Amino acid sequence: MNLRRFAYSLALALPLLSISVFAQQPQVGSTAADLVQAALERNREYLAAKARVAEAQALLRQAGLRPYPTIEVEGATGRILGSSGEREFSAAYFYPIETGGKRSRRIEVAEKSITLAEVETEERKRQLTFDVKSRFIQAVAEDLKLATINRLLPINRENYQLTAMRVDLGDAAPLEQQLLLTDVNRAEAQQTILSSRAEAAVMDLKAVVGIGRGEPLKIASNFAFDNRERPLEQLQRIALENRPDLRILTILEKQAFSESELAKAEGKPDLTAFARYTRSLSRFDQFGLSEGGAVVPLQDADNIFSFGVSIPLFTRQRAQGPVDAALSRANQVRLQREHLQQAISQEVEAAYRRWAGTRRALEILQTGVVQQSEKSLTVIREAYRLGQLRVMDVLNEQRRLVETELAYVDSQAEAAQAFAELERAVGGNLP
């Protein structure tokens, strides 16, 4: 009798063993860093943001072009209107001259557009990195929970079969068999739920990274994040220096001022220098004598060269509207930048507080809950072996340990998520 009860209690102890071994031996697979790198190579939204840099560079080349000169050729005849003796031909060359430094102003605005496109790409990278890590953490958490249940379920089934044999031999009450069957059914239902959630988490992760639905993906079943302590003031200073969204507003403010200077330059009239050659031929009805004494119709041929400068007439008020609009835009961006500067410090502090809290909770859960639950299960299992407790007591403690292990996985995921949010708030990987 005691031997059978010892074998049964040993079988009940295997879930604890399997859970502990699983927690200490992470699987090999794609890490969060691997998936972030893959997303930077495959995510279409990020690649589209990078392509905008090439667009801005092309617009810079266009902004540096000077106005094109114009050649004008013209012919005239009086034959259509009855003056058959009148003909004229002219050729002109027009050369626009920009004033007010318009070309340099255009180049300045275009250069800021390139810088803006590059920083916007960095901002998209910051958000994409956070999205990938968040979904990776969710996928790892669901995978760890599913693995815990998968390792527990076969042992529960073996326990049920062992108890059924004991019931047949009259060594156990039928109630114990029914209780174990209920526990097996509960674990199978939990397995189904966790399996679907794990599959959905992997699909979300694939979508963000840019991995096709049919492509395989194996993730590393562990939460890898740096747990070192860092001063809050240092993180806030780094965030104010490196956050791409803050740099975007700074660039937009400078660009708005450059656009106002360009608008002022546009308010200055451009000149157009020109040169024209004209040949005019006229023939009359009267006759005259040529140098040789012959009678010939009278005609006249004139060669004329003209040149000058064309100046449009308008006042600087013509460009006042665009100037005021650019200055107003600069003021709007300045206010947004000042607001974001204040919000960044608060955002970093909030993420830091959350990260510190999850770290403490994780330590408490590991040392004060998980380890104590393991010890409690060992004591209860020994008491059951000695006949002092019922199987229900062992099942309750075993169920409590499993729930504790799942809560510990959630706590790990919460700490990893808090660290990812702290990285996003700072603007990149922490020092």
Protein backbone atom coordinates (compact mmCIF):
# COMPACT_ATOMS: atom_id res chain seq x y z
CA MET A 1 0.00 0.00 0.00
CA ASN A 2 2.74 2.46 0.99
CA LEU A 3 4.70 1.60 -2.16
CA ARG A 4 1.74 2.35 -4.38
CA ARG A 5 1.04 5.59 -2.56
CA PHE A 6 4.71 6.60 -2.91
CA ALA A 7 4.62 5.88 -6.66
CA TYR A 8 1.47 7.93 -6.98
CA SER A 9 2.93 10.85 -5.04
CA LEU A 10 6.07 10.66 -7.16
CA ALA A 11 3.94 10.92 -10.29
CA LEU A 12 2.21 13.97 -8.85
CA ALA A 13 5.62 15.58 -8.24
CA LEU A 14 6.72 15.38 -11.87
CA PRO A 15 4.87 18.58 -12.98
CA LEU A 16 6.96 20.61 -10.54
CA LEU A 17 10.12 19.05 -11.93
CA SER A 18 9.12 19.63 -15.53
CA ILE A 19 8.16 23.25 -14.94
CA SER A 20 11.44 24.02 -13.18
CA VAL A 21 13.52 22.34 -15.91
CA PHE A 22 11.59 24.20 -18.59
CA ALA A 23 12.19 27.54 -16.91
CA GLN A 24 15.94 26.92 -16.76
CA GLN A 25 16.48 25.64 -20.34
CA PRO A 26 15.24 28.15 -22.95
CA GLN A 27 14.78 26.94 -26.49
CA VAL A 28 16.94 28.12 -29.34
CA GLY A 29 15.25 30.30 -31.94
CA SER A 30 14.93 33.80 -33.32
CA THR A 31 15.57 36.45 -30.68
CA ALA A 32 13.93 39.86 -30.50
CA ALA A 33 17.07 41.45 -31.99
CA ASP A 34 16.97 39.01 -34.92
CA LEU A 35 13.34 39.82 -35.63
CA VAL A 36 13.92 43.57 -35.37
CA GLN A 37 16.70 43.29 -37.96
CA ALA A 38 14.44 41.20 -40.19
CA ALA A 39 11.67 43.80 -39.86
CA LEU A 40 14.05 46.57 -40.92
CA GLU A 41 14.74 44.57 -44.08
CA ARG A 42 11.21 43.37 -44.85
CA ASN A 43 8.60 45.68 -43.34
CA ARG A 44 6.98 47.57 -46.22
CA GLU A 45 6.05 50.66 -44.22
CA TYR A 46 9.62 51.10 -43.02
CA LEU A 47 11.01 50.55 -46.52
CA ALA A 48 8.55 53.14 -47.83
CA ALA A 49 9.83 55.62 -45.24
CA LYS A 50 13.41 54.96 -46.38
CA ALA A 51 12.38 55.51 -50.01
CA ARG A 52 11.23 59.02 -49.11
CA VAL A 53 14.88 59.97 -48.53
CA ALA A 54 15.63 59.26 -52.19
CA GLU A 55 12.63 61.39 -53.16
CA ALA A 56 13.92 64.31 -51.08
CA GLN A 57 17.38 63.95 -52.64
CA ALA A 58 15.86 64.15 -56.11
CA LEU A 59 13.96 67.31 -55.13
CA LEU A 60 17.25 68.80 -53.90
CA ARG A 61 18.77 68.29 -57.34
CA GLN A 62 15.73 69.95 -58.84
CA ALA A 63 15.95 72.89 -56.42
CA GLY A 64 19.55 73.56 -57.47
CA LEU A 65 18.68 74.04 -61.14
CA ARG A 66 18.92 77.54 -62.56
CA PRO A 67 16.16 79.02 -64.79
CA TYR A 68 16.45 77.88 -68.38
CA PRO A 69 17.16 80.45 -71.12
CA THR A 70 14.74 80.81 -74.02
CA ILE A 71 15.36 81.12 -77.78
CA GLU A 72 12.64 82.72 -79.83
CA VAL A 73 12.46 82.62 -83.63
CA GLU A 74 9.80 84.61 -85.49
CA GLY A 75 8.88 85.20 -89.13
CA ALA A 76 6.33 87.66 -90.56
CA THR A 77 4.86 88.28 -94.02
CA GLY A 78 2.36 90.76 -95.39
CA ARG A 79 1.28 88.50 -98.29
CA ILE A 80 -1.78 87.23 -96.38
CA LEU A 81 -3.13 90.75 -95.90
CA GLY A 82 -2.27 92.04 -99.38
CA SER A 83 1.16 93.51 -98.64
CA SER A 84 3.20 91.02 -100.59
CA GLY A 85 6.32 93.14 -100.44
CA GLU A 86 6.66 93.07 -96.66
CA ARG A 87 8.66 90.33 -94.90
CA GLU A 88 10.42 90.16 -91.59
CA PHE A 89 12.52 87.62 -89.69
CA SER A 90 13.79 87.82 -86.11
CA ALA A 91 15.66 85.65 -83.59
CA ALA A 92 15.87 86.46 -79.88
CA TYR A 93 17.64 85.03 -76.81
CA PHE A 94 16.13 85.50 -73.31
CA TYR A 95 18.15 84.80 -70.14
CA PRO A 96 16.30 84.89 -66.77
CA ILE A 97 18.28 86.30 -63.83
CA GLU A 98 17.08 85.30 -60.35
CA THR A 99 17.43 87.90 -57.63
CA GLY A 100 17.26 87.76 -53.86
CA GLY A 101 19.14 84.46 -53.54
CA LYS A 102 16.14 82.35 -54.56
CA ARG A 103 18.25 79.39 -55.66
CA SER A 104 20.22 79.20 -52.39
CA ARG A 105 16.96 79.50 -50.43
CA ARG A 106 15.41 76.65 -52.42
CA ILE A 107 18.47 74.49 -51.78
CA GLU A 108 18.33 75.28 -48.07
CA VAL A 109 14.68 74.18 -47.84
CA ALA A 110 15.37 71.04 -49.86
CA GLU A 111 18.36 70.09 -47.68
CA LYS A 112 16.18 70.33 -44.60
CA SER A 113 13.64 68.10 -46.35
CA ILE A 114 16.33 65.43 -46.74
CA THR A 115 17.28 65.69 -43.08
CA LEU A 116 13.60 65.53 -42.16
CA ALA A 117 13.07 62.39 -44.25
CA GLU A 118 16.09 60.73 -42.61
CA VAL A 119 14.90 61.53 -39.09
CA GLU A 120 11.37 60.40 -39.94
CA THR A 121 12.92 57.09 -40.98
CA GLU A 122 14.62 56.89 -37.59
CA GLU A 123 11.29 57.60 -35.89
CA ARG A 124 9.63 54.84 -37.90
CA LYS A 125 12.47 52.53 -36.88
CA ARG A 126 11.90 53.42 -33.22
CA GLN A 127 8.20 52.60 -33.44
CA LEU A 128 8.78 49.46 -35.51
CA THR A 129 11.37 48.18 -33.02
CA PHE A 130 8.89 48.63 -30.18
CA ASP A 131 6.10 46.91 -32.15
CA VAL A 132 8.29 43.92 -32.93
CA LYS A 133 9.52 43.57 -29.35
CA SER A 134 6.01 43.91 -27.94
CA ARG A 135 4.64 41.19 -30.17
CA PHE A 136 7.71 39.06 -29.56
CA ILE A 137 7.15 39.32 -25.80
CA GLN A 138 3.49 38.37 -26.22
CA ALA A 139 4.40 35.39 -28.41
CA VAL A 140 7.06 34.19 -25.95
CA ALA A 141 4.64 34.49 -23.02
CA GLU A 142 1.95 32.45 -24.77
CA ASP A 143 4.53 29.90 -25.86
CA LEU A 144 5.87 29.48 -22.33
CA LYS A 145 2.38 29.07 -20.90
CA LEU A 146 1.46 26.54 -23.56
CA ALA A 147 4.68 24.62 -22.94
CA THR A 148 3.91 24.51 -19.21
CA ILE A 149 0.47 23.03 -19.82
CA ASN A 150 1.80 20.65 -22.48
CA ARG A 151 4.32 19.26 -20.03
CA LEU A 152 1.73 18.97 -17.27
CA LEU A 153 -1.07 17.34 -19.25
CA PRO A 154 0.58 13.96 -20.01
CA ILE A 155 1.50 13.59 -16.36
CA ASN A 156 -2.08 14.36 -15.31
CA ARG A 157 -3.29 11.69 -17.69
CA GLU A 158 -0.83 9.18 -16.27
CA ASN A 159 -1.99 10.08 -12.77
CA TYR A 160 -5.58 9.51 -13.82
CA GLN A 161 -4.76 6.11 -15.32
CA LEU A 162 -2.81 5.16 -12.19
CA THR A 163 -5.72 6.17 -9.97
CA ALA A 164 -8.17 4.25 -12.17
CA MET A 165 -6.06 1.14 -11.65
CA ARG A 166 -6.04 1.76 -7.90
CA VAL A 167 -9.81 2.17 -7.91
CA ASP A 168 -10.18 -1.15 -9.70
CA LEU A 169 -7.97 -2.78 -7.06
CA GLY A 170 -9.95 -1.15 -4.27
CA ASP A 171 -6.96 0.88 -3.13
CA ALA A 172 -8.52 4.31 -3.86
CA ALA A 173 -11.97 5.85 -3.71
CA PRO A 174 -13.85 6.48 -7.00
CA LEU A 175 -14.02 10.16 -5.99
CA GLU A 176 -10.27 10.47 -6.44
CA GLN A 177 -10.59 9.16 -9.99
CA GLN A 178 -13.36 11.67 -10.75
CA LEU A 179 -11.32 14.53 -9.31
CA LEU A 180 -8.33 13.64 -11.46
CA LEU A 181 -10.52 13.35 -14.55
CA THR A 182 -11.85 16.84 -13.89
CA ASP A 183 -8.30 18.12 -13.56
CA VAL A 184 -7.31 16.47 -16.85
CA ASN A 185 -10.29 18.01 -18.65
CA ARG A 186 -9.51 21.43 -17.21
CA ALA A 187 -5.89 21.18 -18.39
CA GLU A 188 -7.00 20.12 -21.89
CA ALA A 189 -9.35 23.11 -22.14
CA GLN A 190 -6.57 25.39 -20.98
CA GLN A 191 -4.24 23.83 -23.55
CA THR A 192 -6.71 24.57 -26.36
CA ILE A 193 -7.06 28.21 -25.34
CA LEU A 194 -3.33 28.77 -24.95
CA SER A 195 -2.59 27.01 -28.25
CA SER A 196 -4.91 29.35 -30.19
CA ARG A 197 -3.52 32.39 -28.39
CA ALA A 198 0.06 31.30 -29.15
CA GLU A 199 -0.77 30.86 -32.85
CA ALA A 200 -2.45 34.27 -32.99
CA ALA A 201 0.55 35.91 -31.28
CA VAL A 202 2.95 34.39 -33.81
CA MET A 203 0.75 35.56 -36.70
CA ASP A 204 0.75 39.11 -35.32
CA LEU A 205 4.53 38.95 -34.99
CA LYS A 206 4.91 37.73 -38.58
CA ALA A 207 2.70 40.53 -39.86
CA VAL A 208 4.81 43.22 -38.19
CA VAL A 209 8.14 41.72 -39.25
CA GLY A 210 6.97 41.14 -42.82
CA ILE A 211 7.18 37.35 -42.79
CA GLY A 212 4.76 35.55 -45.07
CA ARG A 213 1.95 33.52 -43.60
CA GLY A 214 3.37 30.25 -44.86
CA GLU A 215 6.97 30.94 -43.84
CA PRO A 216 8.15 29.13 -40.70
CA LEU A 217 9.09 31.11 -37.60
CA LYS A 218 10.60 29.70 -34.44
CA ILE A 219 11.11 32.14 -31.62
CA ALA A 220 13.45 31.83 -28.65
CA SER A 221 11.30 30.97 -25.63
CA ASN A 222 12.88 33.37 -23.18
CA PHE A 223 12.62 37.03 -22.22
CA ALA A 224 15.99 38.61 -22.93
CA PHE A 225 16.30 42.14 -21.55
CA ASP A 226 18.98 44.07 -19.73
CA ASN A 227 18.21 44.21 -16.02
CA ARG A 228 20.92 46.69 -15.01
CA GLU A 229 20.02 49.75 -12.96
CA ARG A 230 20.32 53.11 -14.73
CA PRO A 231 19.96 56.66 -13.35
CA LEU A 232 16.68 58.30 -14.31
CA GLU A 233 18.31 61.68 -14.99
CA GLN A 234 20.72 60.10 -17.46
CA LEU A 235 17.87 58.44 -19.36
CA GLN A 236 15.91 61.69 -19.52
CA ARG A 237 18.92 63.56 -20.87
CA ILE A 238 19.53 60.89 -23.52
CA ALA A 239 15.88 61.01 -24.55
CA LEU A 240 15.94 64.79 -25.04
CA GLU A 241 19.07 64.41 -27.18
CA ASN A 242 18.11 61.36 -29.24
CA ARG A 243 14.32 61.16 -29.58
CA PRO A 244 13.62 61.31 -33.35
CA ASP A 245 10.13 62.78 -32.90
CA LEU A 246 11.61 65.74 -31.02
CA ARG A 247 14.28 66.19 -33.68
CA ILE A 248 11.56 66.12 -36.33
CA LEU A 249 9.83 69.10 -34.74
CA THR A 250 13.15 70.94 -34.45
CA ILE A 251 13.82 70.38 -38.16
CA LEU A 252 10.27 71.40 -39.10
CA GLU A 253 10.71 74.64 -37.17
CA LYS A 254 13.96 75.44 -38.97
CA GLN A 255 12.43 74.45 -42.28
CA ALA A 256 9.49 76.82 -41.71
CA PHE A 257 11.90 79.71 -41.13
CA SER A 258 13.78 78.75 -44.31
CA GLU A 259 10.49 78.71 -46.21
CA SER A 260 9.70 82.20 -44.91
CA GLU A 261 13.07 83.42 -46.23
CA LEU A 262 12.34 81.74 -49.55
CA ALA A 263 8.95 83.45 -49.68
CA LYS A 264 10.62 86.80 -49.04
CA ALA A 265 13.05 86.11 -51.86
CA GLU A 266 10.15 85.18 -54.13
CA GLY A 267 8.77 88.64 -53.45
CA LYS A 268 11.70 90.22 -55.27
CA PRO A 269 11.23 90.53 -59.05
CA ASP A 270 13.44 88.50 -61.35
CA LEU A 271 15.12 90.08 -64.37
CA THR A 272 15.11 88.81 -67.91
CA ALA A 273 17.96 89.97 -70.16
CA PHE A 274 17.38 89.59 -73.89
CA ALA A 275 19.05 90.21 -77.26
CA ARG A 276 17.21 90.21 -80.60
CA TYR A 277 18.29 90.26 -84.23
CA THR A 278 15.70 91.42 -86.81
CA ARG A 279 15.94 91.46 -90.63
CA SER A 280 13.19 93.44 -92.34
CA LEU A 281 12.56 93.35 -96.14
CA SER A 282 10.22 95.82 -97.95
CA ARG A 283 9.45 96.01 -101.70
CA PHE A 284 7.66 99.00 -103.36
CA ASP A 285 5.63 99.37 -106.58
CA GLN A 286 7.92 102.09 -107.89
CA PHE A 287 10.95 101.31 -110.02
CA GLY A 288 14.44 102.63 -109.91
CA LEU A 289 17.82 102.13 -111.50
CA SER A 290 20.33 99.62 -110.27
CA GLU A 291 24.06 100.28 -110.10
CA GLY A 292 24.35 98.87 -113.60
CA GLY A 293 21.66 101.22 -114.94
CA ALA A 294 18.92 98.56 -115.20
CA VAL A 295 15.33 99.31 -114.19
CA VAL A 296 14.42 97.30 -111.07
CA PRO A 297 11.64 97.44 -108.40
CA LEU A 298 12.54 99.52 -105.38
CA GLN A 299 13.15 97.52 -102.14
CA ASP A 300 14.65 98.06 -98.70
CA ALA A 301 16.49 95.61 -96.37
CA ASP A 302 17.21 96.50 -92.71
CA ASN A 303 19.31 94.55 -90.15
CA ILE A 304 18.47 95.51 -86.57
CA PHE A 305 20.04 94.31 -83.30
CA SER A 306 18.23 95.13 -80.08
CA PHE A 307 18.85 94.24 -76.43
CA GLY A 308 17.43 95.13 -73.04
CA VAL A 309 16.15 93.94 -69.65
CA SER A 310 12.61 92.95 -68.71
CA ILE A 311 11.46 93.79 -65.15
CA PRO A 312 8.03 92.68 -63.83
CA LEU A 313 6.17 95.32 -61.85
CA PHE A 314 4.84 94.19 -58.47
CA THR A 315 5.36 95.02 -54.80
CA ARG A 316 6.65 92.89 -51.97
CA GLN A 317 3.11 92.58 -50.65
CA ARG A 318 2.67 89.92 -53.31
CA ALA A 319 4.69 87.48 -51.15
CA GLN A 320 3.52 88.66 -47.72
CA GLY A 321 0.90 85.94 -47.44
CA PRO A 322 3.33 83.01 -47.88
CA VAL A 323 5.80 84.71 -45.51
CA ASP A 324 3.21 85.11 -42.76
CA ALA A 325 2.00 81.53 -43.29
CA ALA A 326 5.54 80.14 -42.95
CA LEU A 327 6.20 82.16 -39.80
CA SER A 328 2.89 81.01 -38.32
CA ARG A 329 3.80 77.41 -39.11
CA ALA A 330 7.15 77.88 -37.39
CA ASN A 331 5.40 79.22 -34.29
CA GLN A 332 3.02 76.24 -34.25
CA VAL A 333 5.89 73.76 -34.49
CA ARG A 334 7.80 75.61 -31.78
CA LEU A 335 4.87 75.22 -29.38
CA GLN A 336 4.59 71.53 -30.26
CA ARG A 337 8.32 71.06 -29.68
CA GLU A 338 8.19 72.74 -26.28
CA HIS A 339 5.23 70.59 -25.28
CA LEU A 340 6.99 67.42 -26.42
CA GLN A 341 10.14 68.36 -24.49
CA GLN A 342 8.12 68.48 -21.30
CA ALA A 343 6.19 65.32 -22.15
CA ILE A 344 9.34 63.32 -22.92
CA SER A 345 10.77 63.76 -19.44
CA GLN A 346 7.47 62.67 -17.92
CA GLU A 347 7.14 59.77 -20.35
CA VAL A 348 10.63 58.51 -19.52
CA GLU A 349 9.96 58.80 -15.78
CA ALA A 350 6.64 56.92 -16.07
CA ALA A 351 8.28 54.12 -18.08
CA TYR A 352 11.17 54.04 -15.61
CA ARG A 353 8.83 53.75 -12.62
CA ARG A 354 6.90 50.95 -14.28
CA TRP A 355 10.10 49.12 -15.15
CA ALA A 356 11.43 49.44 -11.60
CA GLY A 357 8.11 48.22 -10.19
CA THR A 358 7.94 45.18 -12.45
CA ARG A 359 11.51 44.28 -11.55
CA ARG A 360 10.70 44.32 -7.85
CA ALA A 361 7.49 42.36 -8.40
CA LEU A 362 9.39 39.79 -10.44
CA GLU A 363 11.96 39.31 -7.68
CA ILE A 364 9.23 38.96 -5.04
CA LEU A 365 7.27 36.51 -7.15
CA GLN A 366 10.34 34.40 -7.84
CA THR A 367 11.72 34.21 -4.32
CA GLY A 368 8.61 34.68 -2.19
CA VAL A 369 5.93 32.88 -4.20
CA VAL A 370 7.28 30.39 -6.74
CA GLN A 371 9.92 28.91 -4.47
CA GLN A 372 7.49 28.78 -1.54
CA SER A 373 4.88 27.04 -3.69
CA GLU A 374 7.44 24.46 -4.70
CA LYS A 375 8.31 23.79 -1.06
CA SER A 376 4.64 23.61 -0.10
CA LEU A 377 3.93 21.06 -2.79
CA THR A 378 6.87 18.96 -1.56
CA VAL A 379 5.53 19.00 2.02
CA ILE A 380 1.95 18.22 0.98
CA ARG A 381 3.11 15.43 -1.28
CA GLU A 382 5.05 13.85 1.60
CA ALA A 383 2.04 14.22 3.92
CA TYR A 384 -0.14 12.50 1.34
CA ARG A 385 2.39 9.69 1.04
CA LEU A 386 2.13 9.18 4.78
CA GLY A 387 -1.65 9.10 4.58
CA GLN A 388 -2.20 12.39 6.43
CA LEU A 389 -3.80 14.29 3.49
CA ARG A 390 -6.21 13.54 0.69
CA VAL A 391 -5.50 13.58 -3.03
CA MET A 392 -7.62 16.74 -3.23
CA ASP A 393 -5.05 18.54 -1.12
CA VAL A 394 -2.27 17.52 -3.49
CA LEU A 395 -4.29 18.54 -6.56
CA ASN A 396 -5.12 21.93 -5.08
CA GLU A 397 -1.51 22.64 -4.28
CA GLN A 398 -0.39 21.41 -7.68
CA ARG A 399 -2.98 23.62 -9.37
CA ARG A 400 -1.82 26.54 -7.25
CA LEU A 401 1.77 25.95 -8.33
CA VAL A 402 0.79 25.86 -12.01
CA GLU A 403 -1.15 29.10 -11.62
CA THR A 404 1.87 30.59 -9.88
CA GLU A 405 4.14 29.51 -12.73
CA LEU A 406 1.76 31.08 -15.25
CA ALA A 407 1.64 34.26 -13.16
CA TYR A 408 5.43 34.25 -13.08
CA VAL A 409 5.47 34.08 -16.91
CA ASP A 410 3.08 37.06 -16.97
CA SER A 411 5.35 38.92 -14.59
CA GLN A 412 8.36 38.23 -16.80
CA ALA A 413 6.42 39.44 -19.82
CA GLU A 414 5.36 42.57 -17.93
CA ALA A 415 8.98 43.33 -16.99
CA ALA A 416 10.16 42.76 -20.57
CA GLN A 417 7.34 44.96 -21.90
CA ALA A 418 8.20 47.70 -19.41
CA PHE A 419 11.83 47.58 -20.53
CA ALA A 420 10.77 47.82 -24.20
CA GLU A 421 8.61 50.85 -23.39
CA LEU A 422 11.52 52.44 -21.54
CA GLU A 423 13.70 51.91 -24.62
CA ARG A 424 11.06 53.53 -26.81
CA ALA A 425 10.70 56.46 -24.42
CA VAL A 426 14.47 57.02 -24.39
CA GLY A 427 14.64 56.72 -28.16
CA GLY A 428 16.64 53.53 -28.72
CA ASN A 429 18.75 50.92 -27.00
CA LEU A 430 19.72 51.90 -23.47
CA PRO A 431 23.37 52.56 -22.65
